[in-house]
Amino acid sequence: QDNGGNDVMKLGEGIKKEDLWFKKEGKDLTINNLTNQDQMTVKNWYSGSANKIEQIELADGGHISNISIDLLVQAMATFDVKPMAETSLTPSQQNTIQAALANTWVDPTK
């Protein structure tokens, strides 16, 4: 639980924003790494703002805020697929996801 601080989840080298799939599961947020099938769960993310991480940061400095994570979850939830890799998405779905990633992640150069 958050006591008012700025919580940051830092992900390791080699993980790219395109590798991650965000999903709401009950009250939890799950983040799947599509390249190696690793999964992270943030318990009770949807139970209130005190349970949210303020930012997820990639090793290259790219990052996404909790508000943008919620927007990305909504975008990814529109697909009636359980992607094991982004290549399982149609070209149209891939374009939609790429646009959502561009609108939610802050690149390290910004």
N, C-alpha and C. Protein backbone atom coordinates (compact mmCIF):
# COMPACT_ATOMS: atom_id res chain seq x y z
N GLN A 1 0.85 -1.18 0.00
CA GLN A 1 0.00 0.00 0.00
C GLN A 1 0.88 1.23 0.00
N ASP A 2 0.43 2.26 -0.70
CA ASP A 2 1.17 3.50 -0.85
C ASP A 2 0.83 4.44 0.29
N ASN A 3 1.85 5.04 0.88
CA ASN A 3 1.63 6.02 1.93
C ASN A 3 1.94 7.43 1.45
N GLY A 4 1.69 7.69 0.19
CA GLY A 4 1.88 9.02 -0.35
C GLY A 4 3.18 9.24 -1.09
N GLY A 5 4.01 8.23 -1.18
CA GLY A 5 5.29 8.37 -1.89
C GLY A 5 5.12 8.23 -3.38
N ASN A 6 6.23 8.28 -4.08
CA ASN A 6 6.23 8.11 -5.53
C ASN A 6 6.85 6.75 -5.83
N ASP A 7 6.01 5.75 -6.06
CA ASP A 7 6.47 4.39 -6.29
C ASP A 7 6.81 4.20 -7.76
N VAL A 8 7.99 3.63 -8.02
CA VAL A 8 8.45 3.37 -9.39
C VAL A 8 8.86 1.91 -9.49
N MET A 9 8.28 1.20 -10.47
CA MET A 9 8.70 -0.17 -10.77
C MET A 9 9.72 -0.07 -11.90
N LYS A 10 10.95 -0.51 -11.64
CA LYS A 10 12.00 -0.46 -12.66
C LYS A 10 12.18 -1.84 -13.26
N LEU A 11 12.09 -1.91 -14.58
CA LEU A 11 12.24 -3.18 -15.28
C LEU A 11 13.66 -3.31 -15.82
N GLY A 12 14.11 -4.55 -15.97
CA GLY A 12 15.49 -4.84 -16.33
C GLY A 12 15.85 -4.56 -17.78
N GLU A 13 17.14 -4.68 -18.04
CA GLU A 13 17.70 -4.48 -19.38
C GLU A 13 17.00 -5.38 -20.40
N GLY A 14 16.85 -4.86 -21.61
CA GLY A 14 16.32 -5.65 -22.71
C GLY A 14 14.82 -5.68 -22.82
N ILE A 15 14.10 -5.18 -21.83
CA ILE A 15 12.63 -5.15 -21.90
C ILE A 15 12.21 -3.87 -22.60
N LYS A 16 11.38 -4.02 -23.63
CA LYS A 16 10.89 -2.88 -24.39
C LYS A 16 9.39 -2.73 -24.14
N LYS A 17 8.87 -1.54 -24.37
CA LYS A 17 7.44 -1.31 -24.18
C LYS A 17 6.61 -2.24 -25.05
N GLU A 18 7.12 -2.58 -26.22
CA GLU A 18 6.40 -3.48 -27.13
C GLU A 18 6.32 -4.91 -26.60
N ASP A 19 7.15 -5.23 -25.61
CA ASP A 19 7.18 -6.58 -25.03
C ASP A 19 6.10 -6.79 -23.98
N LEU A 20 5.46 -5.72 -23.53
CA LEU A 20 4.59 -5.79 -22.36
C LEU A 20 3.12 -5.73 -22.74
N TRP A 21 2.34 -6.60 -22.10
CA TRP A 21 0.88 -6.64 -22.30
C TRP A 21 0.23 -6.42 -20.94
N PHE A 22 -0.58 -5.37 -20.82
CA PHE A 22 -1.22 -4.99 -19.57
C PHE A 22 -2.67 -5.46 -19.57
N LYS A 23 -3.11 -6.01 -18.43
CA LYS A 23 -4.46 -6.55 -18.36
C LYS A 23 -5.02 -6.42 -16.95
N LYS A 24 -6.30 -6.09 -16.87
CA LYS A 24 -7.02 -6.08 -15.60
C LYS A 24 -7.53 -7.49 -15.34
N GLU A 25 -7.21 -8.02 -14.17
CA GLU A 25 -7.72 -9.33 -13.77
C GLU A 25 -8.30 -9.19 -12.37
N GLY A 26 -9.62 -9.07 -12.31
CA GLY A 26 -10.27 -8.81 -11.02
C GLY A 26 -9.85 -7.44 -10.53
N LYS A 27 -9.28 -7.38 -9.32
CA LYS A 27 -8.79 -6.11 -8.77
C LYS A 27 -7.30 -5.91 -9.02
N ASP A 28 -6.68 -6.86 -9.72
CA ASP A 28 -5.24 -6.82 -9.94
C ASP A 28 -4.89 -6.35 -11.35
N LEU A 29 -3.69 -5.81 -11.49
CA LEU A 29 -3.11 -5.48 -12.78
C LEU A 29 -2.04 -6.53 -13.07
N THR A 30 -2.15 -7.18 -14.22
CA THR A 30 -1.10 -8.11 -14.62
C THR A 30 -0.35 -7.52 -15.81
N ILE A 31 0.95 -7.75 -15.79
CA ILE A 31 1.82 -7.28 -16.87
C ILE A 31 2.57 -8.50 -17.37
N ASN A 32 2.30 -8.87 -18.61
CA ASN A 32 2.94 -10.04 -19.21
C ASN A 32 4.06 -9.59 -20.13
N ASN A 33 5.20 -10.27 -20.04
CA ASN A 33 6.30 -10.05 -20.98
C ASN A 33 6.08 -11.04 -22.11
N LEU A 34 5.79 -10.54 -23.29
CA LEU A 34 5.44 -11.39 -24.42
C LEU A 34 6.63 -12.15 -24.99
N THR A 35 7.85 -11.72 -24.68
CA THR A 35 9.02 -12.38 -25.25
C THR A 35 9.44 -13.61 -24.47
N ASN A 36 9.15 -13.64 -23.16
CA ASN A 36 9.59 -14.79 -22.37
C ASN A 36 8.50 -15.37 -21.47
N GLN A 37 7.29 -14.84 -21.57
CA GLN A 37 6.12 -15.31 -20.83
C GLN A 37 6.20 -15.05 -19.32
N ASP A 38 7.14 -14.20 -18.87
CA ASP A 38 7.13 -13.78 -17.47
C ASP A 38 5.89 -12.94 -17.21
N GLN A 39 5.43 -12.97 -15.96
CA GLN A 39 4.25 -12.19 -15.59
C GLN A 39 4.48 -11.54 -14.24
N MET A 40 4.06 -10.28 -14.13
CA MET A 40 4.09 -9.56 -12.87
C MET A 40 2.65 -9.20 -12.52
N THR A 41 2.34 -9.21 -11.24
CA THR A 41 1.00 -8.84 -10.79
C THR A 41 1.12 -7.75 -9.74
N VAL A 42 0.36 -6.68 -9.92
CA VAL A 42 0.26 -5.65 -8.90
C VAL A 42 -1.09 -5.87 -8.23
N LYS A 43 -1.04 -6.42 -7.03
CA LYS A 43 -2.25 -6.78 -6.30
C LYS A 43 -3.08 -5.53 -5.96
N ASN A 44 -4.38 -5.66 -6.12
CA ASN A 44 -5.36 -4.64 -5.73
C ASN A 44 -5.16 -3.29 -6.42
N TRP A 45 -4.57 -3.28 -7.61
CA TRP A 45 -4.38 -2.05 -8.38
C TRP A 45 -5.70 -1.30 -8.53
N TYR A 46 -6.78 -2.06 -8.76
CA TYR A 46 -8.09 -1.45 -9.01
C TYR A 46 -8.93 -1.29 -7.75
N SER A 47 -8.30 -1.39 -6.57
CA SER A 47 -9.01 -1.21 -5.31
C SER A 47 -8.88 0.21 -4.78
N GLY A 48 -8.08 1.02 -5.42
CA GLY A 48 -7.91 2.40 -4.99
C GLY A 48 -6.53 2.91 -5.34
N SER A 49 -6.39 4.23 -5.37
CA SER A 49 -5.13 4.84 -5.80
C SER A 49 -3.97 4.53 -4.86
N ALA A 50 -4.25 4.19 -3.61
CA ALA A 50 -3.18 3.87 -2.66
C ALA A 50 -2.44 2.60 -3.06
N ASN A 51 -3.03 1.78 -3.92
CA ASN A 51 -2.42 0.52 -4.33
C ASN A 51 -1.70 0.61 -5.66
N LYS A 52 -1.69 1.78 -6.27
CA LYS A 52 -1.09 1.93 -7.59
C LYS A 52 0.36 2.37 -7.50
N ILE A 53 1.14 1.90 -8.44
CA ILE A 53 2.51 2.37 -8.63
C ILE A 53 2.39 3.61 -9.52
N GLU A 54 3.10 4.66 -9.17
CA GLU A 54 2.97 5.89 -9.95
C GLU A 54 3.60 5.79 -11.34
N GLN A 55 4.62 4.94 -11.47
CA GLN A 55 5.32 4.88 -12.75
C GLN A 55 6.02 3.54 -12.93
N ILE A 56 6.03 3.06 -14.16
CA ILE A 56 6.85 1.91 -14.55
C ILE A 56 7.92 2.46 -15.48
N GLU A 57 9.17 2.09 -15.19
CA GLU A 57 10.30 2.63 -15.95
C GLU A 57 11.11 1.50 -16.57
N LEU A 58 11.45 1.67 -17.83
CA LEU A 58 12.32 0.73 -18.53
C LEU A 58 13.77 1.09 -18.27
N ALA A 59 14.67 0.14 -18.50
CA ALA A 59 16.10 0.38 -18.27
C ALA A 59 16.63 1.52 -19.13
N ASP A 60 16.02 1.75 -20.30
CA ASP A 60 16.50 2.83 -21.19
C ASP A 60 15.96 4.20 -20.79
N GLY A 61 15.15 4.26 -19.73
CA GLY A 61 14.60 5.52 -19.26
C GLY A 61 13.18 5.80 -19.72
N GLY A 62 12.69 5.04 -20.69
CA GLY A 62 11.29 5.18 -21.10
C GLY A 62 10.40 4.85 -19.91
N HIS A 63 9.25 5.52 -19.82
CA HIS A 63 8.37 5.26 -18.68
C HIS A 63 6.90 5.52 -19.02
N ILE A 64 6.06 4.99 -18.15
CA ILE A 64 4.61 5.14 -18.29
C ILE A 64 4.04 5.42 -16.90
N SER A 65 3.09 6.36 -16.83
CA SER A 65 2.46 6.71 -15.56
C SER A 65 1.28 5.78 -15.27
N ASN A 66 0.82 5.80 -14.03
CA ASN A 66 -0.32 4.96 -13.67
C ASN A 66 -1.58 5.36 -14.44
N ILE A 67 -1.75 6.64 -14.74
CA ILE A 67 -2.91 7.07 -15.52
C ILE A 67 -2.83 6.51 -16.93
N SER A 68 -1.65 6.57 -17.52
CA SER A 68 -1.46 6.03 -18.87
C SER A 68 -1.58 4.51 -18.89
N ILE A 69 -1.16 3.86 -17.80
CA ILE A 69 -1.32 2.40 -17.71
C ILE A 69 -2.79 2.05 -17.80
N ASP A 70 -3.63 2.78 -17.08
CA ASP A 70 -5.07 2.50 -17.13
C ASP A 70 -5.62 2.69 -18.54
N LEU A 71 -5.15 3.70 -19.26
CA LEU A 71 -5.58 3.91 -20.65
C LEU A 71 -5.11 2.77 -21.54
N LEU A 72 -3.88 2.31 -21.32
CA LEU A 72 -3.34 1.21 -22.12
C LEU A 72 -4.09 -0.09 -21.84
N VAL A 73 -4.44 -0.33 -20.58
CA VAL A 73 -5.24 -1.51 -20.23
C VAL A 73 -6.56 -1.49 -20.98
N GLN A 74 -7.20 -0.33 -21.03
CA GLN A 74 -8.47 -0.21 -21.76
C GLN A 74 -8.28 -0.51 -23.24
N ALA A 75 -7.22 0.01 -23.83
CA ALA A 75 -6.96 -0.23 -25.25
C ALA A 75 -6.70 -1.71 -25.52
N MET A 76 -5.91 -2.34 -24.67
CA MET A 76 -5.57 -3.75 -24.88
C MET A 76 -6.76 -4.67 -24.60
N ALA A 77 -7.67 -4.22 -23.73
CA ALA A 77 -8.84 -5.03 -23.39
C ALA A 77 -9.83 -5.14 -24.55
N THR A 78 -9.71 -4.27 -25.54
CA THR A 78 -10.64 -4.31 -26.67
C THR A 78 -10.38 -5.49 -27.60
N PHE A 79 -9.24 -6.15 -27.43
CA PHE A 79 -8.90 -7.28 -28.28
C PHE A 79 -9.39 -8.57 -27.66
N ASP A 80 -10.12 -9.34 -28.44
CA ASP A 80 -10.64 -10.62 -27.97
C ASP A 80 -9.61 -11.71 -28.25
N VAL A 81 -8.40 -11.44 -27.79
CA VAL A 81 -7.31 -12.41 -27.98
C VAL A 81 -6.50 -12.46 -26.70
N LYS A 82 -5.86 -13.58 -26.49
CA LYS A 82 -4.89 -13.69 -25.40
C LYS A 82 -3.54 -13.83 -26.08
N PRO A 83 -2.90 -12.69 -26.37
CA PRO A 83 -1.68 -12.75 -27.17
C PRO A 83 -0.53 -13.43 -26.43
N MET A 84 0.11 -14.35 -27.11
CA MET A 84 1.32 -14.96 -26.58
C MET A 84 2.52 -14.18 -27.11
N ALA A 85 2.29 -13.46 -28.16
CA ALA A 85 3.29 -12.54 -28.72
C ALA A 85 2.54 -11.58 -29.62
N GLU A 86 3.08 -10.43 -29.79
CA GLU A 86 2.38 -9.43 -30.60
C GLU A 86 2.15 -9.93 -32.02
N THR A 87 2.97 -10.86 -32.48
CA THR A 87 2.82 -11.38 -33.83
C THR A 87 1.53 -12.17 -34.00
N SER A 88 0.87 -12.55 -32.88
CA SER A 88 -0.40 -13.26 -33.00
C SER A 88 -1.54 -12.29 -33.28
N LEU A 89 -1.26 -10.99 -33.26
CA LEU A 89 -2.27 -9.99 -33.57
C LEU A 89 -2.31 -9.75 -35.07
N THR A 90 -3.47 -9.37 -35.57
CA THR A 90 -3.59 -9.02 -36.98
C THR A 90 -2.82 -7.72 -37.23
N PRO A 91 -2.50 -7.40 -38.48
CA PRO A 91 -1.82 -6.13 -38.76
C PRO A 91 -2.60 -4.92 -38.25
N SER A 92 -3.91 -4.94 -38.37
CA SER A 92 -4.73 -3.83 -37.88
C SER A 92 -4.62 -3.70 -36.36
N GLN A 93 -4.66 -4.85 -35.66
CA GLN A 93 -4.52 -4.83 -34.20
C GLN A 93 -3.13 -4.33 -33.80
N GLN A 94 -2.10 -4.78 -34.53
CA GLN A 94 -0.74 -4.32 -34.24
C GLN A 94 -0.64 -2.80 -34.39
N ASN A 95 -1.26 -2.25 -35.43
CA ASN A 95 -1.24 -0.80 -35.64
C ASN A 95 -1.94 -0.07 -34.49
N THR A 96 -3.06 -0.61 -34.04
CA THR A 96 -3.79 -0.01 -32.94
C THR A 96 -2.96 -0.03 -31.66
N ILE A 97 -2.32 -1.15 -31.39
CA ILE A 97 -1.48 -1.26 -30.19
C ILE A 97 -0.29 -0.32 -30.29
N GLN A 98 0.34 -0.25 -31.46
CA GLN A 98 1.49 0.66 -31.62
C GLN A 98 1.07 2.11 -31.37
N ALA A 99 -0.11 2.49 -31.83
CA ALA A 99 -0.60 3.85 -31.59
C ALA A 99 -0.85 4.07 -30.10
N ALA A 100 -1.43 3.07 -29.43
CA ALA A 100 -1.68 3.18 -27.99
C ALA A 100 -0.36 3.30 -27.22
N LEU A 101 0.65 2.52 -27.61
CA LEU A 101 1.96 2.60 -26.96
C LEU A 101 2.57 3.99 -27.15
N ALA A 102 2.47 4.52 -28.36
CA ALA A 102 3.04 5.84 -28.65
C ALA A 102 2.36 6.93 -27.84
N ASN A 103 1.06 6.76 -27.56
CA ASN A 103 0.30 7.77 -26.83
C ASN A 103 0.43 7.66 -25.32
N THR A 104 0.94 6.53 -24.81
CA THR A 104 0.96 6.34 -23.36
C THR A 104 2.37 6.32 -22.75
N TRP A 105 3.35 5.86 -23.51
CA TRP A 105 4.73 5.78 -23.00
C TRP A 105 5.49 7.06 -23.31
N VAL A 106 6.35 7.47 -22.40
CA VAL A 106 7.26 8.59 -22.63
C VAL A 106 8.60 8.00 -23.01
N ASP A 107 9.08 8.34 -24.19
CA ASP A 107 10.37 7.82 -24.65
C ASP A 107 11.51 8.44 -23.85
N PRO A 108 12.64 7.73 -23.77
CA PRO A 108 13.76 8.24 -22.95
C PRO A 108 14.34 9.55 -23.46
N THR A 109 14.09 9.89 -24.70
CA THR A 109 14.65 11.12 -25.27
C THR A 109 13.83 12.35 -24.92
N LYS A 110 12.63 12.15 -24.33
CA LYS A 110 11.75 13.29 -24.02
C LYS A 110 11.95 13.76 -22.59
